[in-house]
C-alpha atoms as a PDB file:
ATOM      1  CA  MET A   1       0.792  10.796 -23.915  1.00  0.00           C
ATOM      2  CA  VAL A   2      -2.773  11.158 -23.160  1.00  0.00           C
ATOM      3  CA  GLY A   3      -2.942   7.500 -22.300  1.00  0.00           C
ATOM      4  CA  ARG A   4      -0.437   7.849 -19.609  1.00  0.00           C
ATOM      5  CA  ARG A   5      -1.694  10.673 -18.029  1.00  0.00           C
ATOM      6  CA  SER A   6      -5.620   8.915 -18.095  1.00  0.00           C
ATOM      7  CA  ASP A   7      -3.581   5.891 -16.541  1.00  0.00           C
ATOM      8  CA  THR A   8      -2.065   8.047 -14.036  1.00  0.00           C
ATOM      9  CA  LYS A   9      -5.526   9.665 -13.222  1.00  0.00           C
ATOM     10  CA  GLU A  10      -7.006   6.086 -12.599  1.00  0.00           C
ATOM     11  CA  ARG A  11      -4.207   5.159 -10.433  1.00  0.00           C
ATOM     12  CA  ILE A  12      -4.898   8.225  -8.016  1.00  0.00           C
ATOM     13  CA  GLN A  13      -8.779   7.635  -8.223  1.00  0.00           C
ATOM     14  CA  GLN A  14      -8.038   3.958  -7.237  1.00  0.00           C
ATOM     15  CA  ILE A  15      -5.213   4.426  -4.841  1.00  0.00           C
ATOM     16  CA  ALA A  16      -7.297   7.694  -2.868  1.00  0.00           C
ATOM     17  CA  LEU A  17     -10.414   5.429  -2.775  1.00  0.00           C
ATOM     18  CA  GLU A  18      -8.776   2.635  -1.315  1.00  0.00           C
ATOM     19  CA  LEU A  19      -7.544   4.686   1.628  1.00  0.00           C
ATOM     20  CA  PHE A  20     -10.729   6.702   1.702  1.00  0.00           C
ATOM     21  CA  ALA A  21     -12.044   3.231   2.546  1.00  0.00           C
ATOM     22  CA  GLU A  22      -9.410   1.878   4.630  1.00  0.00           C
ATOM     23  CA  ARG A  23      -9.032   5.431   7.095  1.00  0.00           C
ATOM     24  CA  GLY A  24     -11.864   6.983   6.116  1.00  0.00           C
ATOM     25  CA  TYR A  25     -12.582   9.783   3.173  1.00  0.00           C
ATOM     26  CA  ASP A  26     -12.248  12.522   6.367  1.00  0.00           C
ATOM     27  CA  LYS A  27      -9.051  11.256   7.547  1.00  0.00           C
ATOM     28  CA  THR A  28      -7.115  10.801   4.463  1.00  0.00           C
ATOM     29  CA  THR A  29      -4.855  13.456   3.238  1.00  0.00           C
ATOM     30  CA  LEU A  30      -4.027  14.299  -0.289  1.00  0.00           C
ATOM     31  CA  GLN A  31      -0.148  13.792   1.103  1.00  0.00           C
ATOM     32  CA  GLU A  32      -1.050  10.166   2.117  1.00  0.00           C
ATOM     33  CA  VAL A  33      -2.687   9.576  -1.402  1.00  0.00           C
ATOM     34  CA  ALA A  34       0.919  10.597  -2.717  1.00  0.00           C
ATOM     35  CA  THR A  35       3.099   8.850  -0.902  1.00  0.00           C
ATOM     36  CA  ARG A  36       1.343   5.713  -1.440  1.00  0.00           C
ATOM     37  CA  LEU A  37       1.337   6.183  -5.466  1.00  0.00           C
ATOM     38  CA  GLY A  38       5.301   7.123  -4.743  1.00  0.00           C
ATOM     39  CA  ILE A  39       4.994  10.516  -6.201  1.00  0.00           C
ATOM     40  CA  THR A  40       5.049  13.745  -5.018  1.00  0.00           C
ATOM     41  CA  ARG A  41       2.188  15.977  -4.080  1.00  0.00           C
ATOM     42  CA  PRO A  42       2.742  18.451  -6.538  1.00  0.00           C
ATOM     43  CA  ALA A  43       2.476  15.915  -9.152  1.00  0.00           C
ATOM     44  CA  LEU A  44      -0.744  14.922  -7.499  1.00  0.00           C
ATOM     45  CA  TYR A  45      -2.057  18.401  -7.691  1.00  0.00           C
ATOM     46  CA  TYR A  46      -1.459  18.532 -11.434  1.00  0.00           C
ATOM     47  CA  HIS A  47      -4.245  15.509 -11.388  1.00  0.00           C
ATOM     48  CA  PHE A  48      -6.216  16.448  -8.700  1.00  0.00           C
ATOM     49  CA  LYS A  49      -6.626  19.800  -6.217  1.00  0.00           C
ATOM     50  CA  THR A  50      -8.719  18.313  -3.948  1.00  0.00           C
ATOM     51  CA  LYS A  51      -9.906  14.924  -2.524  1.00  0.00           C
ATOM     52  CA  GLU A  52     -13.578  16.148  -3.681  1.00  0.00           C
ATOM     53  CA  ASP A  53     -12.105  16.567  -6.988  1.00  0.00           C
ATOM     54  CA  ILE A  54     -10.744  12.717  -6.980  1.00  0.00           C
ATOM     55  CA  LEU A  55     -14.109  11.396  -5.910  1.00  0.00           C
ATOM     56  CA  ASN A  56     -16.295  13.582  -8.321  1.00  0.00           C
ATOM     57  CA  GLY A  57     -14.161  12.012 -10.987  1.00  0.00           C
ATOM     58  CA  VAL A  58     -14.546   8.575  -9.618  1.00  0.00           C
ATOM     59  CA  ALA A  59     -18.523   9.198  -9.578  1.00  0.00           C
ATOM     60  CA  ALA A  60     -18.967  10.812 -12.730  1.00  0.00           C
ATOM     61  CA  ASP A  61     -17.468   7.981 -14.545  1.00  0.00           C
ATOM     62  CA  LEU A  62     -20.026   5.772 -12.559  1.00  0.00           C
ATOM     63  CA  VAL A  63     -22.712   7.985 -12.783  1.00  0.00           C
ATOM     64  CA  ALA A  64     -22.043   8.117 -16.766  1.00  0.00           C
ATOM     65  CA  SER A  65     -21.567   4.311 -17.117  1.00  0.00           C
ATOM     66  CA  VAL A  66     -24.951   3.455 -14.714  1.00  0.00           C
ATOM     67  CA  ASP A  67     -26.785   6.065 -16.960  1.00  0.00           C
ATOM     68  CA  GLU A  68     -25.758   3.889 -20.503  1.00  0.00           C
ATOM     69  CA  LEU A  69     -26.373   0.349 -18.711  1.00  0.00           C
ATOM     70  CA  THR A  70     -29.892   2.373 -17.665  1.00  0.00           C
ATOM     71  CA  ARG A  71     -31.103   3.735 -20.617  1.00  0.00           C
ATOM     72  CA  TRP A  72     -30.132   0.556 -22.825  1.00  0.00           C
ATOM     73  CA  ALA A  73     -31.891  -1.834 -20.353  1.00  0.00           C
ATOM     74  CA  HIS A  74     -35.073   0.271 -20.650  1.00  0.00           C
ATOM     75  CA  ALA A  75     -35.166   0.223 -24.517  1.00  0.00           C
ATOM     76  CA  GLN A  76     -34.955  -3.850 -24.338  1.00  0.00           C
ATOM     77  CA  PRO A  77     -37.953  -5.856 -24.767  1.00  0.00           C
ATOM     78  CA  ARG A  78     -39.030  -7.565 -21.491  1.00  0.00           C
ATOM     79  CA  THR A  79     -38.101 -11.055 -22.508  1.00  0.00           C
ATOM     80  CA  SER A  80     -35.980 -13.505 -20.297  1.00  0.00           C
ATOM     81  CA  ALA A  81     -33.424 -13.777 -22.229  1.00  0.00           C
ATOM     82  CA  ALA A  82     -32.727  -9.606 -22.085  1.00  0.00           C
ATOM     83  CA  ARG A  83     -33.078  -9.540 -18.216  1.00  0.00           C
ATOM     84  CA  ARG A  84     -30.019 -12.410 -18.184  1.00  0.00           C
ATOM     85  CA  GLU A  85     -28.335  -9.864 -20.305  1.00  0.00           C
ATOM     86  CA  ILE A  86     -29.121  -6.702 -17.862  1.00  0.00           C
ATOM     87  CA  LEU A  87     -28.223  -8.711 -15.108  1.00  0.00           C
ATOM     88  CA  ASP A  88     -24.564  -9.593 -16.880  1.00  0.00           C
ATOM     89  CA  ARG A  89     -24.054  -6.356 -17.767  1.00  0.00           C
ATOM     90  CA  LEU A  90     -24.588  -5.191 -14.051  1.00  0.00           C
ATOM     91  CA  VAL A  91     -21.865  -7.731 -12.885  1.00  0.00           C
ATOM     92  CA  GLU A  92     -19.836  -6.171 -15.434  1.00  0.00           C
ATOM     93  CA  LEU A  93     -20.315  -2.649 -14.145  1.00  0.00           C
ATOM     94  CA  PHE A  94     -19.726  -3.321 -10.383  1.00  0.00           C
ATOM     95  CA  LYS A  95     -16.826  -5.641 -10.707  1.00  0.00           C
ATOM     96  CA  ASP A  96     -13.452  -4.750 -10.322  1.00  0.00           C
ATOM     97  CA  ARG A  97     -13.710  -0.833 -10.780  1.00  0.00           C
ATOM     98  CA  TRP A  98     -16.555  -0.026  -9.360  1.00  0.00           C
ATOM     99  CA  LEU A  99     -16.074  -2.243  -6.350  1.00  0.00           C
ATOM    100  CA  PRO A 100     -13.841   0.388  -4.294  1.00  0.00           C
ATOM    101  CA  LEU A 101     -16.378   2.940  -4.838  1.00  0.00           C
ATOM    102  CA  MET A 102     -19.550   0.598  -3.481  1.00  0.00           C
ATOM    103  CA  ARG A 103     -16.732   0.029  -0.736  1.00  0.00           C
ATOM    104  CA  PHE A 104     -15.868   3.853   0.082  1.00  0.00           C
ATOM    105  CA  SER A 105     -19.616   4.681   0.049  1.00  0.00           C
ATOM    106  CA  GLN A 106     -20.206   2.016   2.563  1.00  0.00           C
ATOM    107  CA  VAL A 107     -17.469   3.293   4.934  1.00  0.00           C
ATOM    108  CA  ASN A 108     -18.011   6.850   4.282  1.00  0.00           C
ATOM    109  CA  GLN A 109     -21.565   7.433   4.186  1.00  0.00           C
ATOM    110  CA  ALA A 110     -21.215  10.909   6.032  1.00  0.00           C
ATOM    111  CA  ALA A 111     -19.083  11.777   3.808  1.00  0.00           C
ATOM    112  CA  MET A 112     -21.169  10.580   0.802  1.00  0.00           C
ATOM    113  CA  ARG A 113     -24.535  12.507   2.522  1.00  0.00           C
ATOM    114  CA  ASP A 114     -22.525  16.027   2.962  1.00  0.00           C
ATOM    115  CA  LEU A 115     -20.761  15.905  -0.943  1.00  0.00           C
ATOM    116  CA  PRO A 116     -22.894  16.672  -4.037  1.00  0.00           C
ATOM    117  CA  ILE A 117     -21.685  14.021  -5.697  1.00  0.00           C
ATOM    118  CA  GLY A 118     -23.540  11.885  -2.915  1.00  0.00           C
ATOM    119  CA  ALA A 119     -27.023  12.780  -3.849  1.00  0.00           C
ATOM    120  CA  GLU A 120     -26.579  12.387  -7.403  1.00  0.00           C
ATOM    121  CA  MET A 121     -25.214   9.025  -7.249  1.00  0.00           C
ATOM    122  CA  ARG A 122     -28.092   7.602  -4.609  1.00  0.00           C
ATOM    123  CA  GLN A 123     -29.930   8.945  -7.493  1.00  0.00           C
ATOM    124  CA  LYS A 124     -28.445   6.911  -9.876  1.00  0.00           C
ATOM    125  CA  MET A 125     -28.265   3.928  -7.970  1.00  0.00           C
ATOM    126  CA  LEU A 126     -31.962   4.071  -7.184  1.00  0.00           C
ATOM    127  CA  ALA A 127     -32.875   4.606 -10.885  1.00  0.00           C
ATOM    128  CA  LEU A 128     -30.601   1.398 -11.570  1.00  0.00           C
ATOM    129  CA  LEU A 129     -33.033  -0.517  -9.515  1.00  0.00           C
ATOM    130  CA  THR A 130     -35.453  -0.295 -11.977  1.00  0.00           C
ATOM    131  CA  VAL A 131     -33.675  -1.530 -14.811  1.00  0.00           C
ATOM    132  CA  LEU A 132     -35.489  -5.141 -14.977  1.00  0.00           C
ATOM    133  CA  ASP A 133     -39.054  -3.378 -13.859  1.00  0.00           C
ATOM    134  CA  ASP A 134     -41.671  -4.541 -16.215  1.00  0.00           C
ATOM    135  CA  PRO A 135     -44.733  -1.385 -15.910  1.00  0.00           C
ATOM    136  CA  ASP A 136     -47.066  -3.680 -16.749  1.00  0.00           C
ATOM    137  CA  ALA A 137     -46.477  -6.476 -14.399  1.00  0.00           C
ATOM    138  CA  ASP A 138     -47.950  -6.737 -10.841  1.00  0.00           C
ATOM    139  CA  LEU A 139     -46.332  -5.170  -8.026  1.00  0.00           C
ATOM    140  CA  GLU A 140     -44.827  -8.354  -6.681  1.00  0.00           C
ATOM    141  CA  ARG A 141     -43.149  -8.976  -9.991  1.00  0.00           C
ATOM    142  CA  ARG A 142     -41.499  -5.566  -9.975  1.00  0.00           C
ATOM    143  CA  PHE A 143     -40.838  -6.305  -6.173  1.00  0.00           C
ATOM    144  CA  GLU A 144     -39.038  -9.224  -7.471  1.00  0.00           C
ATOM    145  CA  ALA A 145     -37.327  -7.748 -10.399  1.00  0.00           C
ATOM    146  CA  ARG A 146     -35.883  -4.862  -7.701  1.00  0.00           C
ATOM    147  CA  ILE A 147     -34.891  -7.356  -5.106  1.00  0.00           C
ATOM    148  CA  ALA A 148     -32.828  -8.959  -8.814  1.00  0.00           C
ATOM    149  CA  VAL A 149     -30.766  -6.081  -8.727  1.00  0.00           C
ATOM    150  CA  VAL A 150     -29.669  -5.676  -5.427  1.00  0.00           C
ATOM    151  CA  THR A 151     -28.588  -9.045  -5.012  1.00  0.00           C
ATOM    152  CA  VAL A 152     -26.216  -8.589  -8.173  1.00  0.00           C
ATOM    153  CA  MET A 153     -25.132  -5.210  -6.125  1.00  0.00           C
ATOM    154  CA  ILE A 154     -24.511  -7.163  -2.561  1.00  0.00           C
ATOM    155  CA  ALA A 155     -23.261  -9.708  -4.056  1.00  0.00           C
ATOM    156  CA  ASN A 156     -20.084  -7.321  -4.852  1.00  0.00           C
ATOM    157  CA  VAL A 157     -19.616  -6.476  -1.216  1.00  0.00           C
ATOM    158  CA  PRO A 158     -17.252  -9.400  -0.153  1.00  0.00           C
ATOM    159  CA  GLU A 159     -17.604  -8.651   3.869  1.00  0.00           C
ATOM    160  CA  LEU A 160     -21.412  -9.598   3.684  1.00  0.00           C
ATOM    161  CA  PHE A 161     -20.288 -13.035   2.090  1.00  0.00           C
ATOM    162  CA  ASP A 162     -16.571 -13.176   3.392  1.00  0.00           C
ATOM    163  CA  ASP A 163     -17.138 -17.187   3.943  1.00  0.00           C
ATOM    164  CA  ILE A 164     -18.224 -17.734   0.231  1.00  0.00           C
ATOM    165  CA  PRO A 165     -15.272 -17.676  -2.584  1.00  0.00           C
ATOM    166  CA  ALA A 166     -15.640 -14.499  -5.310  1.00  0.00           C
ATOM    167  CA  ASP A 167     -16.399 -17.178  -7.606  1.00  0.00           C
ATOM    168  CA  ARG A 168     -19.091 -18.718  -5.900  1.00  0.00           C
ATOM    169  CA  ARG A 169     -20.337 -15.791  -5.150  1.00  0.00           C
ATOM    170  CA  ALA A 170     -21.421 -14.133  -7.907  1.00  0.00           C
ATOM    171  CA  ASP A 171     -22.728 -17.558  -9.972  1.00  0.00           C
ATOM    172  CA  ILE A 172     -24.824 -18.143  -6.785  1.00  0.00           C
ATOM    173  CA  ALA A 173     -25.808 -14.077  -6.890  1.00  0.00           C
ATOM    174  CA  MET A 174     -26.326 -14.638 -10.713  1.00  0.00           C
ATOM    175  CA  ARG A 175     -28.991 -17.813 -10.073  1.00  0.00           C
ATOM    176  CA  VAL A 176     -30.999 -16.185  -7.597  1.00  0.00           C
ATOM    177  CA  ALA A 177     -31.301 -12.717  -9.537  1.00  0.00           C
ATOM    178  CA  THR A 178     -32.118 -14.762 -12.439  1.00  0.00           C
ATOM    179  CA  GLY A 179     -34.376 -16.376 -10.789  1.00  0.00           C
ATOM    180  CA  LEU A 180     -36.359 -13.697  -8.644  1.00  0.00           C
ATOM    181  CA  ALA A 181     -36.157 -11.694 -12.461  1.00  0.00           C
ATOM    182  CA  GLY A 182     -37.906 -14.957 -13.909  1.00  0.00           C
END
């Protein structure tokens, strides 16, 4: 029973993020989310009372994932193999599950700026940029390490590279990021 309830919550979050990206956070109603899901509004309210509750749930999961990756990455040795593993894990973080949240954030920048979770997500994304940093490296190497992380992140925004198939885009981004990260 708990697994089913969790699956329903994840499905609600997924559909809500899709609608928020399509129509905008402010213009999307909970009724529209319920309708797209094929459930009643009271059934939706059982899981989430507001749109902000839905967004907070998704963002909290992302923040926890980013924190975990950041802690793990900073504990790794500063080797090329470790940097590659960090980049691989970063790719996995943004694949599928977090892609809708990234799209939402792009389309709904005003909402993200105004919601408390937006400030926390911004802080975590900035911290994520440092996962390849070597404090002992020169400024150019540290800059390249951060650009490598950005490369992996933006490769997951299809609108920026709609002329490149997704599987090729990921491979290219990884090659570029690995080259930058050394």
